[in-house]
Amino acid sequence: MGALVALLVGALGTAAWLTGDALLLSRSVNEGRIVADMAETVGRWASQYGGVHARTQGASAALPGTFLTRSVYAGTDEDAGFLQGSRSERRHDERGAMERVEAYHWKNPALIQREVADTLLASGSRAQYRLTARTVLNRNNAPNAFEIEALDALQSAFQRTGGASVQPTPSAAALPLAQPKAGQEYWKVEGGHLLYARAVVAQSSCLRCHDTPEKAPEFLRVNQQFNGGGGFGYKAGQPVGLISVKLPVATSANLLRDSVPVAAWGALAVALAAGLGVVYLGVGGRSRAQG
């Protein structure tokens, strides 16, 4: 009888432990989805304005990170003349014109998404994301091993279905409590982190820059920041890239270790010992009565 009780307690404990791990993984996957949602929202926000222009003033102003084009303006006709080479007897006027010049640096939605990702990384946020594709304009955005695996899975699923709603299968490490959205995501757990990928589907507007190198705007062809040797050959309606998210995954062991104080562990141990004692006394008393 005692062995059966111990077996029951062990089975219940194991089931609770595994269920807890599954729920924690499901929560992590949902957190990954939220981060990917945020990245998409940043892109949509920037898209409604056609990107964003970062303003700097003065010829000595620091550059505002990565940008695609730059337009320079003078505030007055006189300043414009100085910028075009006119000379003044007063050198102070020329220096003042240089300090008043305004430059507007255009960043497209993808660059803005990347800068938000860089800010998260620099701030030490527990959740990180990046945008990548199989081939890229910027070598810093090249895919890692997991991202290549995710691209293979999502693009293969797309080809199998002939462009219909893709049903990617999550990695074997994922549990069925967290169901993927059709045709959008792939994930696995590795090294205590959730690696989550959401497909980026090319829109017709993407083809302005990402169709063929010959059709790409001049600012891409001559910009040394975008000489990664790829980033072309996109097809509208097909998955061409990823939003890749990385965040730590909690386990039941870590959660209990970090959340339950030592005093509570002591109380649980006493309660468990008392419960086992009650079971032992009950079984022993019944055995003596039958004897």
C-alpha atoms as a PDB file:
ATOM      1  CA  MET A   1       0.000   0.000   0.000  1.00  0.00           C
ATOM      2  CA  GLY A   2       2.776   2.376   0.929  1.00  0.00           C
ATOM      3  CA  ALA A   3       4.529   1.677  -2.378  1.00  0.00           C
ATOM      4  CA  LEU A   4       1.363   2.486  -4.296  1.00  0.00           C
ATOM      5  CA  VAL A   5       0.949   5.772  -2.430  1.00  0.00           C
ATOM      6  CA  ALA A   6       4.571   6.681  -3.158  1.00  0.00           C
ATOM      7  CA  LEU A   7       4.078   5.789  -6.820  1.00  0.00           C
ATOM      8  CA  LEU A   8       0.947   7.944  -6.996  1.00  0.00           C
ATOM      9  CA  VAL A   9       2.699  10.903  -5.382  1.00  0.00           C
ATOM     10  CA  GLY A  10       5.670  10.512  -7.723  1.00  0.00           C
ATOM     11  CA  ALA A  11       3.458  10.297 -10.809  1.00  0.00           C
ATOM     12  CA  LEU A  12       1.473  13.375  -9.781  1.00  0.00           C
ATOM     13  CA  GLY A  13       4.670  15.290  -9.071  1.00  0.00           C
ATOM     14  CA  THR A  14       6.189  14.341 -12.422  1.00  0.00           C
ATOM     15  CA  ALA A  15       3.010  15.294 -14.273  1.00  0.00           C
ATOM     16  CA  ALA A  16       2.884  18.641 -12.480  1.00  0.00           C
ATOM     17  CA  TRP A  17       6.560  19.263 -13.261  1.00  0.00           C
ATOM     18  CA  LEU A  18       6.206  18.482 -16.979  1.00  0.00           C
ATOM     19  CA  THR A  19       3.007  20.510 -17.227  1.00  0.00           C
ATOM     20  CA  GLY A  20       4.756  23.437 -15.579  1.00  0.00           C
ATOM     21  CA  ASP A  21       7.619  23.259 -18.084  1.00  0.00           C
ATOM     22  CA  ALA A  22       5.144  23.092 -20.974  1.00  0.00           C
ATOM     23  CA  LEU A  23       3.237  26.124 -19.692  1.00  0.00           C
ATOM     24  CA  LEU A  24       6.459  28.074 -19.230  1.00  0.00           C
ATOM     25  CA  LEU A  25       7.552  27.253 -22.782  1.00  0.00           C
ATOM     26  CA  SER A  26       4.143  28.278 -24.085  1.00  0.00           C
ATOM     27  CA  ARG A  27       4.501  31.578 -22.240  1.00  0.00           C
ATOM     28  CA  SER A  28       7.957  32.112 -23.757  1.00  0.00           C
ATOM     29  CA  VAL A  29       6.631  31.454 -27.266  1.00  0.00           C
ATOM     30  CA  ASN A  30       3.892  34.012 -26.682  1.00  0.00           C
ATOM     31  CA  GLU A  31       6.535  36.485 -25.497  1.00  0.00           C
ATOM     32  CA  GLY A  32       8.432  35.818 -28.716  1.00  0.00           C
ATOM     33  CA  ARG A  33       5.266  36.550 -30.675  1.00  0.00           C
ATOM     34  CA  ILE A  34       4.820  39.830 -28.808  1.00  0.00           C
ATOM     35  CA  VAL A  35       8.375  40.908 -29.648  1.00  0.00           C
ATOM     36  CA  ALA A  36       7.805  40.014 -33.317  1.00  0.00           C
ATOM     37  CA  ASP A  37       4.504  41.927 -33.210  1.00  0.00           C
ATOM     38  CA  MET A  38       6.394  44.953 -31.886  1.00  0.00           C
ATOM     39  CA  ALA A  39       8.952  44.723 -34.701  1.00  0.00           C
ATOM     40  CA  GLU A  40       6.150  44.533 -37.274  1.00  0.00           C
ATOM     41  CA  THR A  41       4.366  47.477 -35.656  1.00  0.00           C
ATOM     42  CA  VAL A  42       7.524  49.591 -35.832  1.00  0.00           C
ATOM     43  CA  GLY A  43       7.758  48.768 -39.537  1.00  0.00           C
ATOM     44  CA  ARG A  44       4.098  49.629 -40.181  1.00  0.00           C
ATOM     45  CA  TRP A  45       4.438  52.901 -38.275  1.00  0.00           C
ATOM     46  CA  ALA A  46       7.458  53.918 -40.350  1.00  0.00           C
ATOM     47  CA  SER A  47       5.826  52.747 -43.590  1.00  0.00           C
ATOM     48  CA  GLN A  48       2.888  55.096 -43.236  1.00  0.00           C
ATOM     49  CA  TYR A  49       5.346  58.004 -43.486  1.00  0.00           C
ATOM     50  CA  GLY A  50       7.528  56.452 -46.170  1.00  0.00           C
ATOM     51  CA  GLY A  51      10.325  56.078 -43.650  1.00  0.00           C
ATOM     52  CA  VAL A  52      11.812  58.686 -41.345  1.00  0.00           C
ATOM     53  CA  HIS A  53      14.265  61.542 -41.910  1.00  0.00           C
ATOM     54  CA  ALA A  54      16.788  62.149 -39.135  1.00  0.00           C
ATOM     55  CA  ARG A  55      17.788  65.827 -38.955  1.00  0.00           C
ATOM     56  CA  THR A  56      21.266  67.079 -38.125  1.00  0.00           C
ATOM     57  CA  GLN A  57      22.442  70.686 -38.012  1.00  0.00           C
ATOM     58  CA  GLY A  58      25.924  71.920 -38.720  1.00  0.00           C
ATOM     59  CA  ALA A  59      28.626  70.506 -40.941  1.00  0.00           C
ATOM     60  CA  SER A  60      30.379  68.973 -37.928  1.00  0.00           C
ATOM     61  CA  ALA A  61      27.300  67.135 -36.602  1.00  0.00           C
ATOM     62  CA  ALA A  62      27.672  63.409 -36.012  1.00  0.00           C
ATOM     63  CA  LEU A  63      26.006  61.114 -38.509  1.00  0.00           C
ATOM     64  CA  PRO A  64      22.716  59.592 -37.261  1.00  0.00           C
ATOM     65  CA  GLY A  65      23.645  55.959 -37.803  1.00  0.00           C
ATOM     66  CA  THR A  66      22.857  54.106 -41.015  1.00  0.00           C
ATOM     67  CA  PHE A  67      20.835  55.877 -43.696  1.00  0.00           C
ATOM     68  CA  LEU A  68      19.975  55.520 -47.375  1.00  0.00           C
ATOM     69  CA  THR A  69      20.030  59.077 -48.723  1.00  0.00           C
ATOM     70  CA  ARG A  70      20.976  62.534 -47.464  1.00  0.00           C
ATOM     71  CA  SER A  71      19.585  65.914 -48.486  1.00  0.00           C
ATOM     72  CA  VAL A  72      21.309  69.140 -47.415  1.00  0.00           C
ATOM     73  CA  TYR A  73      19.533  72.489 -47.080  1.00  0.00           C
ATOM     74  CA  ALA A  74      20.546  76.037 -46.298  1.00  0.00           C
ATOM     75  CA  GLY A  75      18.190  78.246 -44.339  1.00  0.00           C
ATOM     76  CA  THR A  76      18.705  81.400 -46.436  1.00  0.00           C
ATOM     77  CA  ASP A  77      19.797  82.315 -49.944  1.00  0.00           C
ATOM     78  CA  GLU A  78      22.939  83.875 -48.530  1.00  0.00           C
ATOM     79  CA  ASP A  79      23.813  80.672 -46.673  1.00  0.00           C
ATOM     80  CA  ALA A  80      23.114  78.704 -49.849  1.00  0.00           C
ATOM     81  CA  GLY A  81      25.546  80.924 -51.715  1.00  0.00           C
ATOM     82  CA  PHE A  82      28.253  80.256 -49.157  1.00  0.00           C
ATOM     83  CA  LEU A  83      27.651  76.511 -49.446  1.00  0.00           C
ATOM     84  CA  GLN A  84      27.969  76.739 -53.240  1.00  0.00           C
ATOM     85  CA  GLY A  85      31.326  78.481 -53.031  1.00  0.00           C
ATOM     86  CA  SER A  86      30.592  82.177 -52.633  1.00  0.00           C
ATOM     87  CA  ARG A  87      33.129  83.988 -50.497  1.00  0.00           C
ATOM     88  CA  SER A  88      32.636  86.670 -47.893  1.00  0.00           C
ATOM     89  CA  GLU A  89      34.999  89.254 -46.527  1.00  0.00           C
ATOM     90  CA  ARG A  90      33.864  88.113 -43.098  1.00  0.00           C
ATOM     91  CA  ARG A  91      35.012  84.556 -42.435  1.00  0.00           C
ATOM     92  CA  HIS A  92      32.630  84.464 -39.485  1.00  0.00           C
ATOM     93  CA  ASP A  93      29.679  84.569 -41.899  1.00  0.00           C
ATOM     94  CA  GLU A  94      30.940  81.531 -43.776  1.00  0.00           C
ATOM     95  CA  ARG A  95      31.530  79.566 -40.586  1.00  0.00           C
ATOM     96  CA  GLY A  96      28.072  80.524 -39.359  1.00  0.00           C
ATOM     97  CA  ALA A  97      26.518  79.270 -42.585  1.00  0.00           C
ATOM     98  CA  MET A  98      28.269  75.933 -42.169  1.00  0.00           C
ATOM     99  CA  GLU A  99      26.911  75.634 -38.635  1.00  0.00           C
ATOM    100  CA  ARG A 100      23.374  76.447 -39.749  1.00  0.00           C
ATOM    101  CA  VAL A 101      23.227  73.952 -42.598  1.00  0.00           C
ATOM    102  CA  GLU A 102      20.602  71.240 -42.106  1.00  0.00           C
ATOM    103  CA  ALA A 103      20.905  67.683 -43.367  1.00  0.00           C
ATOM    104  CA  TYR A 104      18.066  65.169 -43.526  1.00  0.00           C
ATOM    105  CA  HIS A 105      19.084  61.517 -43.572  1.00  0.00           C
ATOM    106  CA  TRP A 106      16.423  59.128 -44.866  1.00  0.00           C
ATOM    107  CA  LYS A 107      15.920  55.788 -43.143  1.00  0.00           C
ATOM    108  CA  ASN A 108      13.472  53.300 -44.616  1.00  0.00           C
ATOM    109  CA  PRO A 109      11.218  51.148 -42.361  1.00  0.00           C
ATOM    110  CA  ALA A 110      13.666  48.216 -42.318  1.00  0.00           C
ATOM    111  CA  LEU A 111      16.488  50.443 -41.063  1.00  0.00           C
ATOM    112  CA  ILE A 112      14.244  51.827 -38.343  1.00  0.00           C
ATOM    113  CA  GLN A 113      13.306  48.310 -37.261  1.00  0.00           C
ATOM    114  CA  ARG A 114      16.987  47.428 -37.091  1.00  0.00           C
ATOM    115  CA  GLU A 115      17.836  50.519 -35.029  1.00  0.00           C
ATOM    116  CA  VAL A 116      15.132  49.618 -32.512  1.00  0.00           C
ATOM    117  CA  ALA A 117      16.678  46.136 -32.330  1.00  0.00           C
ATOM    118  CA  ASP A 118      20.124  47.677 -31.771  1.00  0.00           C
ATOM    119  CA  THR A 119      18.704  49.826 -28.965  1.00  0.00           C
ATOM    120  CA  LEU A 120      17.230  46.756 -27.258  1.00  0.00           C
ATOM    121  CA  LEU A 121      20.589  45.005 -27.513  1.00  0.00           C
ATOM    122  CA  ALA A 122      22.494  47.985 -26.110  1.00  0.00           C
ATOM    123  CA  SER A 123      20.045  48.349 -23.217  1.00  0.00           C
ATOM    124  CA  GLY A 124      20.532  44.736 -22.132  1.00  0.00           C
ATOM    125  CA  SER A 125      16.889  43.804 -22.689  1.00  0.00           C
ATOM    126  CA  ARG A 126      16.145  40.127 -21.995  1.00  0.00           C
ATOM    127  CA  ALA A 127      14.377  39.866 -25.357  1.00  0.00           C
ATOM    128  CA  GLN A 128      16.313  40.619 -28.539  1.00  0.00           C
ATOM    129  CA  TYR A 129      15.276  40.614 -32.170  1.00  0.00           C
ATOM    130  CA  ARG A 130      16.869  41.127 -35.560  1.00  0.00           C
ATOM    131  CA  LEU A 131      15.809  41.088 -39.200  1.00  0.00           C
ATOM    132  CA  THR A 132      17.570  38.790 -41.611  1.00  0.00           C
ATOM    133  CA  ALA A 133      17.180  36.989 -44.930  1.00  0.00           C
ATOM    134  CA  ARG A 134      18.959  34.281 -46.865  1.00  0.00           C
ATOM    135  CA  THR A 135      20.984  36.934 -48.698  1.00  0.00           C
ATOM    136  CA  VAL A 136      21.382  40.463 -47.380  1.00  0.00           C
ATOM    137  CA  LEU A 137      22.490  43.915 -48.452  1.00  0.00           C
ATOM    138  CA  ASN A 138      24.215  44.523 -45.120  1.00  0.00           C
ATOM    139  CA  ARG A 139      26.597  41.759 -44.027  1.00  0.00           C
ATOM    140  CA  ASN A 140      25.812  42.531 -40.373  1.00  0.00           C
ATOM    141  CA  ASN A 141      22.326  41.136 -40.988  1.00  0.00           C
ATOM    142  CA  ALA A 142      23.497  37.758 -42.349  1.00  0.00           C
ATOM    143  CA  PRO A 143      21.549  34.781 -40.913  1.00  0.00           C
ATOM    144  CA  ASN A 144      22.976  32.503 -38.238  1.00  0.00           C
ATOM    145  CA  ALA A 145      22.579  28.711 -38.124  1.00  0.00           C
ATOM    146  CA  PHE A 146      19.126  28.764 -36.508  1.00  0.00           C
ATOM    147  CA  GLU A 147      17.864  31.434 -38.882  1.00  0.00           C
ATOM    148  CA  ILE A 148      19.000  29.414 -41.909  1.00  0.00           C
ATOM    149  CA  GLU A 149      17.192  26.399 -40.419  1.00  0.00           C
ATOM    150  CA  ALA A 150      14.030  28.458 -39.963  1.00  0.00           C
ATOM    151  CA  LEU A 151      14.257  29.891 -43.485  1.00  0.00           C
ATOM    152  CA  ASP A 152      14.630  26.375 -44.878  1.00  0.00           C
ATOM    153  CA  ALA A 153      11.583  25.156 -42.949  1.00  0.00           C
ATOM    154  CA  LEU A 154       9.289  28.051 -43.833  1.00  0.00           C
ATOM    155  CA  GLN A 155      10.304  28.328 -47.476  1.00  0.00           C
ATOM    156  CA  SER A 156      10.092  24.546 -47.984  1.00  0.00           C
ATOM    157  CA  ALA A 157       6.616  24.505 -46.475  1.00  0.00           C
ATOM    158  CA  PHE A 158       5.624  27.362 -48.780  1.00  0.00           C
ATOM    159  CA  GLN A 159       6.854  25.430 -51.825  1.00  0.00           C
ATOM    160  CA  ARG A 160       5.078  22.239 -50.747  1.00  0.00           C
ATOM    161  CA  THR A 161       1.758  24.020 -50.514  1.00  0.00           C
ATOM    162  CA  GLY A 162       2.208  25.872 -53.778  1.00  0.00           C
ATOM    163  CA  GLY A 163       1.842  29.243 -52.110  1.00  0.00           C
ATOM    164  CA  ALA A 164      -1.254  28.360 -50.088  1.00  0.00           C
ATOM    165  CA  SER A 165      -1.448  28.805 -46.340  1.00  0.00           C
ATOM    166  CA  VAL A 166       1.794  27.353 -45.008  1.00  0.00           C
ATOM    167  CA  GLN A 167       1.713  25.064 -41.994  1.00  0.00           C
ATOM    168  CA  PRO A 168       5.278  25.072 -40.595  1.00  0.00           C
ATOM    169  CA  THR A 169       6.039  22.462 -37.975  1.00  0.00           C
ATOM    170  CA  PRO A 170       7.841  23.774 -34.890  1.00  0.00           C
ATOM    171  CA  SER A 171      11.079  22.192 -33.780  1.00  0.00           C
ATOM    172  CA  ALA A 172      10.884  18.942 -31.838  1.00  0.00           C
ATOM    173  CA  ALA A 173      11.888  20.900 -28.747  1.00  0.00           C
ATOM    174  CA  ALA A 174       8.596  22.798 -28.857  1.00  0.00           C
ATOM    175  CA  LEU A 175       5.591  21.428 -27.011  1.00  0.00           C
ATOM    176  CA  PRO A 176       2.046  21.191 -28.396  1.00  0.00           C
ATOM    177  CA  LEU A 177       0.597  23.649 -25.903  1.00  0.00           C
ATOM    178  CA  ALA A 178       1.989  26.495 -28.034  1.00  0.00           C
ATOM    179  CA  GLN A 179       0.526  26.156 -31.513  1.00  0.00           C
ATOM    180  CA  PRO A 180       2.157  28.099 -34.374  1.00  0.00           C
ATOM    181  CA  LYS A 181       0.284  30.534 -36.558  1.00  0.00           C
ATOM    182  CA  ALA A 182      -0.105  29.025 -40.000  1.00  0.00           C
ATOM    183  CA  GLY A 183       2.728  29.921 -42.338  1.00  0.00           C
ATOM    184  CA  GLN A 184       4.399  32.408 -40.055  1.00  0.00           C
ATOM    185  CA  GLU A 185       6.626  30.940 -37.390  1.00  0.00           C
ATOM    186  CA  TYR A 186       9.200  28.367 -36.368  1.00  0.00           C
ATOM    187  CA  TRP A 187      10.978  27.932 -33.049  1.00  0.00           C
ATOM    188  CA  LYS A 188      13.267  25.770 -30.954  1.00  0.00           C
ATOM    189  CA  VAL A 189      14.859  25.821 -27.498  1.00  0.00           C
ATOM    190  CA  GLU A 190      18.632  25.868 -27.397  1.00  0.00           C
ATOM    191  CA  GLY A 191      21.032  26.674 -24.575  1.00  0.00           C
ATOM    192  CA  GLY A 192      18.290  27.857 -22.234  1.00  0.00           C
ATOM    193  CA  HIS A 193      16.911  30.313 -24.811  1.00  0.00           C
ATOM    194  CA  LEU A 194      13.880  30.307 -27.067  1.00  0.00           C
ATOM    195  CA  LEU A 195      14.877  30.948 -30.672  1.00  0.00           C
ATOM    196  CA  TYR A 196      11.766  32.169 -32.463  1.00  0.00           C
ATOM    197  CA  ALA A 197      11.423  33.131 -36.121  1.00  0.00           C
ATOM    198  CA  ARG A 198       8.511  34.734 -37.937  1.00  0.00           C
ATOM    199  CA  ALA A 199       8.410  34.837 -41.728  1.00  0.00           C
ATOM    200  CA  VAL A 200       8.627  38.181 -43.495  1.00  0.00           C
ATOM    201  CA  VAL A 201       6.573  38.005 -46.687  1.00  0.00           C
ATOM    202  CA  ALA A 202       7.655  40.296 -49.527  1.00  0.00           C
ATOM    203  CA  GLN A 203       5.181  42.980 -50.548  1.00  0.00           C
ATOM    204  CA  SER A 204       5.083  44.569 -53.986  1.00  0.00           C
ATOM    205  CA  SER A 205       6.595  47.739 -52.500  1.00  0.00           C
ATOM    206  CA  CYS A 206       9.676  45.715 -51.457  1.00  0.00           C
ATOM    207  CA  LEU A 207      10.527  45.050 -55.098  1.00  0.00           C
ATOM    208  CA  ARG A 208      11.521  48.667 -55.650  1.00  0.00           C
ATOM    209  CA  CYS A 209      14.804  47.859 -53.908  1.00  0.00           C
ATOM    210  CA  HIS A 210      14.922  44.054 -53.808  1.00  0.00           C
ATOM    211  CA  ASP A 211      13.907  42.875 -57.302  1.00  0.00           C
ATOM    212  CA  THR A 212      17.185  42.700 -59.240  1.00  0.00           C
ATOM    213  CA  PRO A 213      20.464  44.613 -58.812  1.00  0.00           C
ATOM    214  CA  GLU A 214      19.885  46.291 -62.181  1.00  0.00           C
ATOM    215  CA  LYS A 215      16.500  47.648 -61.084  1.00  0.00           C
ATOM    216  CA  ALA A 216      17.665  48.748 -57.630  1.00  0.00           C
ATOM    217  CA  PRO A 217      17.827  52.495 -56.909  1.00  0.00           C
ATOM    218  CA  GLU A 218      21.193  54.130 -57.437  1.00  0.00           C
ATOM    219  CA  PHE A 219      21.569  54.928 -53.731  1.00  0.00           C
ATOM    220  CA  LEU A 220      21.694  51.181 -53.037  1.00  0.00           C
ATOM    221  CA  ARG A 221      24.130  50.377 -55.817  1.00  0.00           C
ATOM    222  CA  VAL A 222      26.657  53.025 -54.765  1.00  0.00           C
ATOM    223  CA  ASN A 223      26.197  52.940 -50.976  1.00  0.00           C
ATOM    224  CA  GLN A 224      29.145  51.109 -49.394  1.00  0.00           C
ATOM    225  CA  GLN A 225      27.031  50.230 -46.351  1.00  0.00           C
ATOM    226  CA  PHE A 226      24.993  47.877 -48.530  1.00  0.00           C
ATOM    227  CA  ASN A 227      27.593  45.843 -50.374  1.00  0.00           C
ATOM    228  CA  GLY A 228      26.723  42.510 -48.788  1.00  0.00           C
ATOM    229  CA  GLY A 229      26.332  40.883 -52.176  1.00  0.00           C
ATOM    230  CA  GLY A 230      22.668  39.927 -51.740  1.00  0.00           C
ATOM    231  CA  GLY A 231      19.246  41.179 -50.818  1.00  0.00           C
ATOM    232  CA  PHE A 232      17.781  40.749 -54.305  1.00  0.00           C
ATOM    233  CA  GLY A 233      15.512  38.294 -56.080  1.00  0.00           C
ATOM    234  CA  TYR A 234      12.452  38.884 -53.879  1.00  0.00           C
ATOM    235  CA  LYS A 235       9.064  37.672 -55.102  1.00  0.00           C
ATOM    236  CA  ALA A 236       5.905  39.366 -53.889  1.00  0.00           C
ATOM    237  CA  GLY A 237       3.805  37.129 -51.669  1.00  0.00           C
ATOM    238  CA  GLN A 238       6.661  34.766 -50.798  1.00  0.00           C
ATOM    239  CA  PRO A 239       8.562  34.435 -47.491  1.00  0.00           C
ATOM    240  CA  VAL A 240      11.930  36.096 -48.062  1.00  0.00           C
ATOM    241  CA  GLY A 241      13.211  36.872 -44.585  1.00  0.00           C
ATOM    242  CA  LEU A 242      12.676  36.573 -40.863  1.00  0.00           C
ATOM    243  CA  ILE A 243      12.088  38.480 -37.694  1.00  0.00           C
ATOM    244  CA  SER A 244      14.359  36.477 -35.403  1.00  0.00           C
ATOM    245  CA  VAL A 245      13.742  36.687 -31.648  1.00  0.00           C
ATOM    246  CA  LYS A 246      15.880  35.376 -28.800  1.00  0.00           C
ATOM    247  CA  LEU A 247      14.799  35.317 -25.164  1.00  0.00           C
ATOM    248  CA  PRO A 248      15.543  33.203 -22.081  1.00  0.00           C
ATOM    249  CA  VAL A 249      13.227  30.291 -21.272  1.00  0.00           C
ATOM    250  CA  ALA A 250      12.276  29.702 -17.652  1.00  0.00           C
ATOM    251  CA  THR A 251      12.028  26.138 -16.330  1.00  0.00           C
ATOM    252  CA  SER A 252      10.092  24.798 -13.377  1.00  0.00           C
ATOM    253  CA  ALA A 253      13.355  24.280 -11.502  1.00  0.00           C
ATOM    254  CA  ASN A 254      14.522  27.854 -12.094  1.00  0.00           C
ATOM    255  CA  LEU A 255      11.114  29.291 -11.273  1.00  0.00           C
ATOM    256  CA  LEU A 256      10.893  27.396  -7.991  1.00  0.00           C
ATOM    257  CA  ARG A 257      14.477  28.264  -7.102  1.00  0.00           C
ATOM    258  CA  ASP A 258      14.009  31.970  -7.762  1.00  0.00           C
ATOM    259  CA  SER A 259      10.440  32.408  -6.518  1.00  0.00           C
ATOM    260  CA  VAL A 260      10.065  30.193  -3.437  1.00  0.00           C
ATOM    261  CA  PRO A 261      11.903  31.436  -0.307  1.00  0.00           C
ATOM    262  CA  VAL A 262      13.966  29.111   1.878  1.00  0.00           C
ATOM    263  CA  ALA A 263      11.418  29.284   4.706  1.00  0.00           C
ATOM    264  CA  ALA A 264       8.704  28.065   2.345  1.00  0.00           C
ATOM    265  CA  TRP A 265      10.870  25.130   1.289  1.00  0.00           C
ATOM    266  CA  GLY A 266      11.284  24.237   4.964  1.00  0.00           C
ATOM    267  CA  ALA A 267       7.543  24.384   5.530  1.00  0.00           C
ATOM    268  CA  LEU A 268       6.922  22.208   2.463  1.00  0.00           C
ATOM    269  CA  ALA A 269       9.442  19.650   3.707  1.00  0.00           C
ATOM    270  CA  VAL A 270       7.741  19.516   7.108  1.00  0.00           C
ATOM    271  CA  ALA A 271       4.317  19.162   5.463  1.00  0.00           C
ATOM    272  CA  LEU A 272       5.579  16.366   3.208  1.00  0.00           C
ATOM    273  CA  ALA A 273       7.146  14.524   6.146  1.00  0.00           C
ATOM    274  CA  ALA A 274       3.942  14.892   8.135  1.00  0.00           C
ATOM    275  CA  GLY A 275       1.862  13.603   5.226  1.00  0.00           C
ATOM    276  CA  LEU A 276       4.091  10.586   4.757  1.00  0.00           C
ATOM    277  CA  GLY A 277       3.929   9.965   8.495  1.00  0.00           C
ATOM    278  CA  VAL A 278       0.151  10.022   8.446  1.00  0.00           C
ATOM    279  CA  VAL A 279       0.097   7.585   5.529  1.00  0.00           C
ATOM    280  CA  TYR A 280       2.583   5.294   7.287  1.00  0.00           C
ATOM    281  CA  LEU A 281       0.644   5.328  10.545  1.00  0.00           C
ATOM    282  CA  GLY A 282      -2.626   4.714   8.730  1.00  0.00           C
ATOM    283  CA  VAL A 283      -1.241   1.786   6.775  1.00  0.00           C
ATOM    284  CA  GLY A 284       0.501   0.390   9.869  1.00  0.00           C
ATOM    285  CA  GLY A 285      -2.633   0.687  11.989  1.00  0.00           C
ATOM    286  CA  ARG A 286      -4.722  -1.095   9.387  1.00  0.00           C
ATOM    287  CA  SER A 287      -2.160  -3.894   9.141  1.00  0.00           C
ATOM    288  CA  ARG A 288      -2.154  -4.393  12.908  1.00  0.00           C
ATOM    289  CA  ALA A 289      -5.954  -4.406  13.001  1.00  0.00           C
ATOM    290  CA  GLN A 290      -6.101  -7.064  10.311  1.00  0.00           C
ATOM    291  CA  GLY A 291      -3.455  -9.081  12.139  1.00  0.00           C
END
